[in-house]
Amino acid sequence: MINKYLGYFKGKIIVEPGRSIIGDTCIFLSKIVRIKKTELNNFVIIDGGMNNLIRPAMYEAFHYPMIVKKTSEEKLKYNIVGPICESSDVFVNNFEFNKIGENDNYIAFLCAGAYGRSMSSNYNCHDIAGEIMIDNKNIIEIRKPINFKDLIKFEEL
């Protein structure tokens, strides 16, 4: 197809299809830490933050969130936020879910492949999530989490 339209071009053409190939192959799974209700909003606070999936904070990328275990048919709107204590640590605002109950303990963000781990950081000394691969019934750890103890190994005291 490139030759058909650019066959006359004498320069070098480089194609980087990374996100289009890997983007929808991964999820970002995060534990619900707390549900907070105010007069105006319902917040879902999760244990993973913008340090693990920066795309929503950096350029408002949308990763569709799903409650892993649905326990109610009632619908409510929620803001899903991380634990980083920054106003930009927001994954989604006013998203309608089935009401989240005490047994709904995980949220999965879809299409989180490409740029999750490669753009992650230990911002505010938060852990970097590990990565696993699921191949049929086999679960393979492909990258270990990086926690605070791992970080301070590189510091001289």
C-alpha atoms as a PDB file:
ATOM      1  CA  MET A   1       0.000   0.000   0.000  1.00  0.00           C
ATOM      2  CA  ILE A   2       2.881   2.368   0.784  1.00  0.00           C
ATOM      3  CA  ASN A   3       4.390   1.705  -2.660  1.00  0.00           C
ATOM      4  CA  LYS A   4       1.030   2.304  -4.313  1.00  0.00           C
ATOM      5  CA  TYR A   5       0.763   5.825  -2.921  1.00  0.00           C
ATOM      6  CA  LEU A   6       4.376   6.760  -2.227  1.00  0.00           C
ATOM      7  CA  GLY A   7       6.341   4.621  -4.660  1.00  0.00           C
ATOM      8  CA  TYR A   8       7.889   7.744  -6.148  1.00  0.00           C
ATOM      9  CA  PHE A   9       9.265   8.846  -2.744  1.00  0.00           C
ATOM     10  CA  LYS A  10      13.034   8.312  -2.528  1.00  0.00           C
ATOM     11  CA  GLY A  11      13.370   8.790   1.254  1.00  0.00           C
ATOM     12  CA  LYS A  12      13.123   6.230   4.031  1.00  0.00           C
ATOM     13  CA  ILE A  13       9.658   5.459   5.480  1.00  0.00           C
ATOM     14  CA  ILE A  14       9.504   4.088   9.015  1.00  0.00           C
ATOM     15  CA  VAL A  15       6.231   2.727  10.403  1.00  0.00           C
ATOM     16  CA  GLU A  16       5.759   2.381  14.160  1.00  0.00           C
ATOM     17  CA  PRO A  17       2.506   0.488  14.724  1.00  0.00           C
ATOM     18  CA  GLY A  18       3.110  -0.257  18.445  1.00  0.00           C
ATOM     19  CA  ARG A  19      -0.112   0.914  20.080  1.00  0.00           C
ATOM     20  CA  SER A  20      -2.307  -0.330  17.237  1.00  0.00           C
ATOM     21  CA  ILE A  21      -0.891  -3.845  17.715  1.00  0.00           C
ATOM     22  CA  ILE A  22      -0.483  -4.133  21.481  1.00  0.00           C
ATOM     23  CA  GLY A  23      -2.895  -1.508  22.868  1.00  0.00           C
ATOM     24  CA  ASP A  24      -5.967  -3.679  23.144  1.00  0.00           C
ATOM     25  CA  THR A  25      -4.131  -6.795  24.333  1.00  0.00           C
ATOM     26  CA  CYS A  26      -3.607  -5.691  27.950  1.00  0.00           C
ATOM     27  CA  ILE A  27      -5.621  -4.563  30.935  1.00  0.00           C
ATOM     28  CA  PHE A  28      -4.595  -2.519  33.954  1.00  0.00           C
ATOM     29  CA  LEU A  29      -6.089  -4.206  37.007  1.00  0.00           C
ATOM     30  CA  SER A  30      -6.336  -2.193  40.199  1.00  0.00           C
ATOM     31  CA  LYS A  31      -7.814  -2.916  43.612  1.00  0.00           C
ATOM     32  CA  ILE A  32     -10.592  -0.727  44.970  1.00  0.00           C
ATOM     33  CA  VAL A  33      -9.291   0.722  48.222  1.00  0.00           C
ATOM     34  CA  ARG A  34     -12.227   2.893  49.220  1.00  0.00           C
ATOM     35  CA  ILE A  35     -15.542   4.332  48.086  1.00  0.00           C
ATOM     36  CA  LYS A  36     -15.951   7.979  49.081  1.00  0.00           C
ATOM     37  CA  LYS A  37     -19.262   9.815  48.760  1.00  0.00           C
ATOM     38  CA  THR A  38     -19.647  13.587  48.871  1.00  0.00           C
ATOM     39  CA  GLU A  39     -22.680  15.762  48.222  1.00  0.00           C
ATOM     40  CA  LEU A  40     -21.671  16.113  44.562  1.00  0.00           C
ATOM     41  CA  ASN A  41     -19.678  13.011  43.657  1.00  0.00           C
ATOM     42  CA  ASN A  42     -19.031   9.350  44.293  1.00  0.00           C
ATOM     43  CA  PHE A  43     -15.338   8.494  44.219  1.00  0.00           C
ATOM     44  CA  VAL A  44     -13.731   5.112  43.720  1.00  0.00           C
ATOM     45  CA  ILE A  45     -10.183   5.242  45.071  1.00  0.00           C
ATOM     46  CA  ILE A  46      -7.948   2.528  43.651  1.00  0.00           C
ATOM     47  CA  ASP A  47      -4.460   1.370  44.604  1.00  0.00           C
ATOM     48  CA  GLY A  48      -2.959   2.041  41.157  1.00  0.00           C
ATOM     49  CA  GLY A  49      -2.363   5.592  40.092  1.00  0.00           C
ATOM     50  CA  MET A  50      -1.117   7.778  37.308  1.00  0.00           C
ATOM     51  CA  ASN A  51       2.367   6.496  38.073  1.00  0.00           C
ATOM     52  CA  ASN A  52       1.288   3.126  36.582  1.00  0.00           C
ATOM     53  CA  LEU A  53      -0.956   4.338  33.746  1.00  0.00           C
ATOM     54  CA  ILE A  54      -0.108   7.948  32.920  1.00  0.00           C
ATOM     55  CA  ARG A  55      -2.044   8.281  29.663  1.00  0.00           C
ATOM     56  CA  PRO A  56      -5.342   9.545  31.213  1.00  0.00           C
ATOM     57  CA  ALA A  57      -3.508  12.175  33.301  1.00  0.00           C
ATOM     58  CA  MET A  58      -1.057  13.205  30.600  1.00  0.00           C
ATOM     59  CA  TYR A  59      -3.364  13.634  27.621  1.00  0.00           C
ATOM     60  CA  GLU A  60      -6.840  12.560  28.705  1.00  0.00           C
ATOM     61  CA  ALA A  61      -6.647   9.140  27.045  1.00  0.00           C
ATOM     62  CA  PHE A  62      -9.692   7.034  27.819  1.00  0.00           C
ATOM     63  CA  HIS A  63      -9.341   3.458  29.057  1.00  0.00           C
ATOM     64  CA  TYR A  64     -12.736   1.841  29.474  1.00  0.00           C
ATOM     65  CA  PRO A  65     -13.176   0.771  33.136  1.00  0.00           C
ATOM     66  CA  MET A  66     -15.002  -2.392  34.167  1.00  0.00           C
ATOM     67  CA  ILE A  67     -15.898  -3.656  37.622  1.00  0.00           C
ATOM     68  CA  VAL A  68     -14.507  -7.176  37.808  1.00  0.00           C
ATOM     69  CA  LYS A  69     -17.371  -8.545  39.897  1.00  0.00           C
ATOM     70  CA  LYS A  70     -20.794  -6.949  39.457  1.00  0.00           C
ATOM     71  CA  THR A  71     -23.018  -7.223  42.537  1.00  0.00           C
ATOM     72  CA  SER A  72     -25.841  -4.743  41.938  1.00  0.00           C
ATOM     73  CA  GLU A  73     -28.206  -3.704  39.154  1.00  0.00           C
ATOM     74  CA  GLU A  74     -28.586  -0.144  40.496  1.00  0.00           C
ATOM     75  CA  LYS A  75     -26.629   2.453  38.479  1.00  0.00           C
ATOM     76  CA  LEU A  76     -24.505   5.285  39.912  1.00  0.00           C
ATOM     77  CA  LYS A  77     -21.943   7.680  38.476  1.00  0.00           C
ATOM     78  CA  TYR A  78     -18.389   7.536  39.820  1.00  0.00           C
ATOM     79  CA  ASN A  79     -15.080   9.319  39.512  1.00  0.00           C
ATOM     80  CA  ILE A  80     -12.237   6.787  39.541  1.00  0.00           C
ATOM     81  CA  VAL A  81      -9.075   8.195  41.093  1.00  0.00           C
ATOM     82  CA  GLY A  82      -5.703   6.911  42.191  1.00  0.00           C
ATOM     83  CA  PRO A  83      -3.766   7.311  45.456  1.00  0.00           C
ATOM     84  CA  ILE A  84      -1.119   9.782  44.263  1.00  0.00           C
ATOM     85  CA  CYS A  85      -2.618  12.931  45.879  1.00  0.00           C
ATOM     86  CA  GLU A  86      -2.439  14.956  42.674  1.00  0.00           C
ATOM     87  CA  SER A  87      -5.402  16.612  40.983  1.00  0.00           C
ATOM     88  CA  SER A  88      -4.415  14.865  37.738  1.00  0.00           C
ATOM     89  CA  ASP A  89      -4.551  11.351  39.246  1.00  0.00           C
ATOM     90  CA  VAL A  90      -7.962  10.733  37.677  1.00  0.00           C
ATOM     91  CA  PHE A  91      -8.815   7.856  35.358  1.00  0.00           C
ATOM     92  CA  VAL A  92     -12.402   8.781  34.552  1.00  0.00           C
ATOM     93  CA  ASN A  93     -15.071  11.232  35.773  1.00  0.00           C
ATOM     94  CA  ASN A  94     -18.830  10.718  35.986  1.00  0.00           C
ATOM     95  CA  PHE A  95     -18.746   7.201  34.588  1.00  0.00           C
ATOM     96  CA  GLU A  96     -21.900   5.178  35.130  1.00  0.00           C
ATOM     97  CA  PHE A  97     -21.429   1.753  36.686  1.00  0.00           C
ATOM     98  CA  ASN A  98     -23.564  -0.728  38.451  1.00  0.00           C
ATOM     99  CA  LYS A  99     -23.459   0.414  42.079  1.00  0.00           C
ATOM    100  CA  ILE A 100     -20.149  -0.657  43.574  1.00  0.00           C
ATOM    101  CA  GLY A 101     -20.538  -2.769  46.692  1.00  0.00           C
ATOM    102  CA  GLU A 102     -18.152  -4.030  49.355  1.00  0.00           C
ATOM    103  CA  ASN A 103     -17.451  -7.212  47.377  1.00  0.00           C
ATOM    104  CA  ASP A 104     -16.555  -5.351  44.183  1.00  0.00           C
ATOM    105  CA  ASN A 105     -12.865  -5.185  44.814  1.00  0.00           C
ATOM    106  CA  TYR A 106     -11.174  -4.699  41.420  1.00  0.00           C
ATOM    107  CA  ILE A 107     -11.498  -2.439  38.401  1.00  0.00           C
ATOM    108  CA  ALA A 108      -9.992  -3.384  35.053  1.00  0.00           C
ATOM    109  CA  PHE A 109      -9.075  -0.679  32.549  1.00  0.00           C
ATOM    110  CA  LEU A 110      -9.201  -2.042  29.025  1.00  0.00           C
ATOM    111  CA  CYS A 111      -6.820  -1.367  26.142  1.00  0.00           C
ATOM    112  CA  ALA A 112      -3.976  -0.504  28.528  1.00  0.00           C
ATOM    113  CA  GLY A 113      -1.234  -2.169  26.525  1.00  0.00           C
ATOM    114  CA  ALA A 114       1.613  -0.118  25.093  1.00  0.00           C
ATOM    115  CA  TYR A 115       3.032   2.572  27.331  1.00  0.00           C
ATOM    116  CA  GLY A 116       1.790   1.262  30.696  1.00  0.00           C
ATOM    117  CA  ARG A 117       5.035  -0.037  32.177  1.00  0.00           C
ATOM    118  CA  SER A 118       7.297   1.856  29.763  1.00  0.00           C
ATOM    119  CA  MET A 119       5.863   5.194  30.966  1.00  0.00           C
ATOM    120  CA  SER A 120       5.458   4.226  34.622  1.00  0.00           C
ATOM    121  CA  SER A 121       7.390   5.844  37.454  1.00  0.00           C
ATOM    122  CA  ASN A 122       7.826   5.753  41.218  1.00  0.00           C
ATOM    123  CA  TYR A 123       6.290   9.227  41.513  1.00  0.00           C
ATOM    124  CA  ASN A 124       5.736  10.146  45.175  1.00  0.00           C
ATOM    125  CA  CYS A 125       7.468   6.859  46.112  1.00  0.00           C
ATOM    126  CA  HIS A 126       4.561   4.731  44.906  1.00  0.00           C
ATOM    127  CA  ASP A 127       5.107   1.197  43.663  1.00  0.00           C
ATOM    128  CA  ILE A 128       5.266   0.287  39.999  1.00  0.00           C
ATOM    129  CA  ALA A 129       2.880  -2.540  39.178  1.00  0.00           C
ATOM    130  CA  GLY A 130       4.164  -5.905  38.067  1.00  0.00           C
ATOM    131  CA  GLU A 131       3.087  -7.511  34.821  1.00  0.00           C
ATOM    132  CA  ILE A 132       1.765 -10.970  34.127  1.00  0.00           C
ATOM    133  CA  MET A 133       0.887 -12.755  30.922  1.00  0.00           C
ATOM    134  CA  ILE A 134      -1.979 -15.197  30.723  1.00  0.00           C
ATOM    135  CA  ASP A 135      -1.577 -17.844  28.049  1.00  0.00           C
ATOM    136  CA  ASN A 136      -4.598 -20.151  28.161  1.00  0.00           C
ATOM    137  CA  LYS A 137      -4.415 -21.443  31.761  1.00  0.00           C
ATOM    138  CA  ASN A 138      -0.766 -20.487  32.332  1.00  0.00           C
ATOM    139  CA  ILE A 139       0.044 -17.356  34.322  1.00  0.00           C
ATOM    140  CA  ILE A 140       3.569 -16.083  33.727  1.00  0.00           C
ATOM    141  CA  GLU A 141       5.162 -13.193  35.608  1.00  0.00           C
ATOM    142  CA  ILE A 142       6.958 -11.143  32.969  1.00  0.00           C
ATOM    143  CA  ARG A 143       7.971  -8.177  35.139  1.00  0.00           C
ATOM    144  CA  LYS A 144       8.146  -8.022  38.911  1.00  0.00           C
ATOM    145  CA  PRO A 145       6.632  -5.054  40.758  1.00  0.00           C
ATOM    146  CA  ILE A 146       9.042  -2.354  41.922  1.00  0.00           C
ATOM    147  CA  ASN A 147       8.391  -1.231  45.486  1.00  0.00           C
ATOM    148  CA  PHE A 148       9.935   1.288  47.873  1.00  0.00           C
ATOM    149  CA  LYS A 149      12.458  -1.250  49.234  1.00  0.00           C
ATOM    150  CA  ASP A 150      13.663  -1.863  45.683  1.00  0.00           C
ATOM    151  CA  LEU A 151      14.061   1.887  45.142  1.00  0.00           C
ATOM    152  CA  ILE A 152      16.139   2.615  48.206  1.00  0.00           C
ATOM    153  CA  LYS A 153      18.650  -0.092  47.264  1.00  0.00           C
ATOM    154  CA  PHE A 154      20.067   2.453  44.838  1.00  0.00           C
ATOM    155  CA  GLU A 155      20.519   5.168  47.474  1.00  0.00           C
ATOM    156  CA  GLU A 156      23.679   5.665  49.458  1.00  0.00           C
ATOM    157  CA  LEU A 157      23.089   6.230  53.126  1.00  0.00           C
END
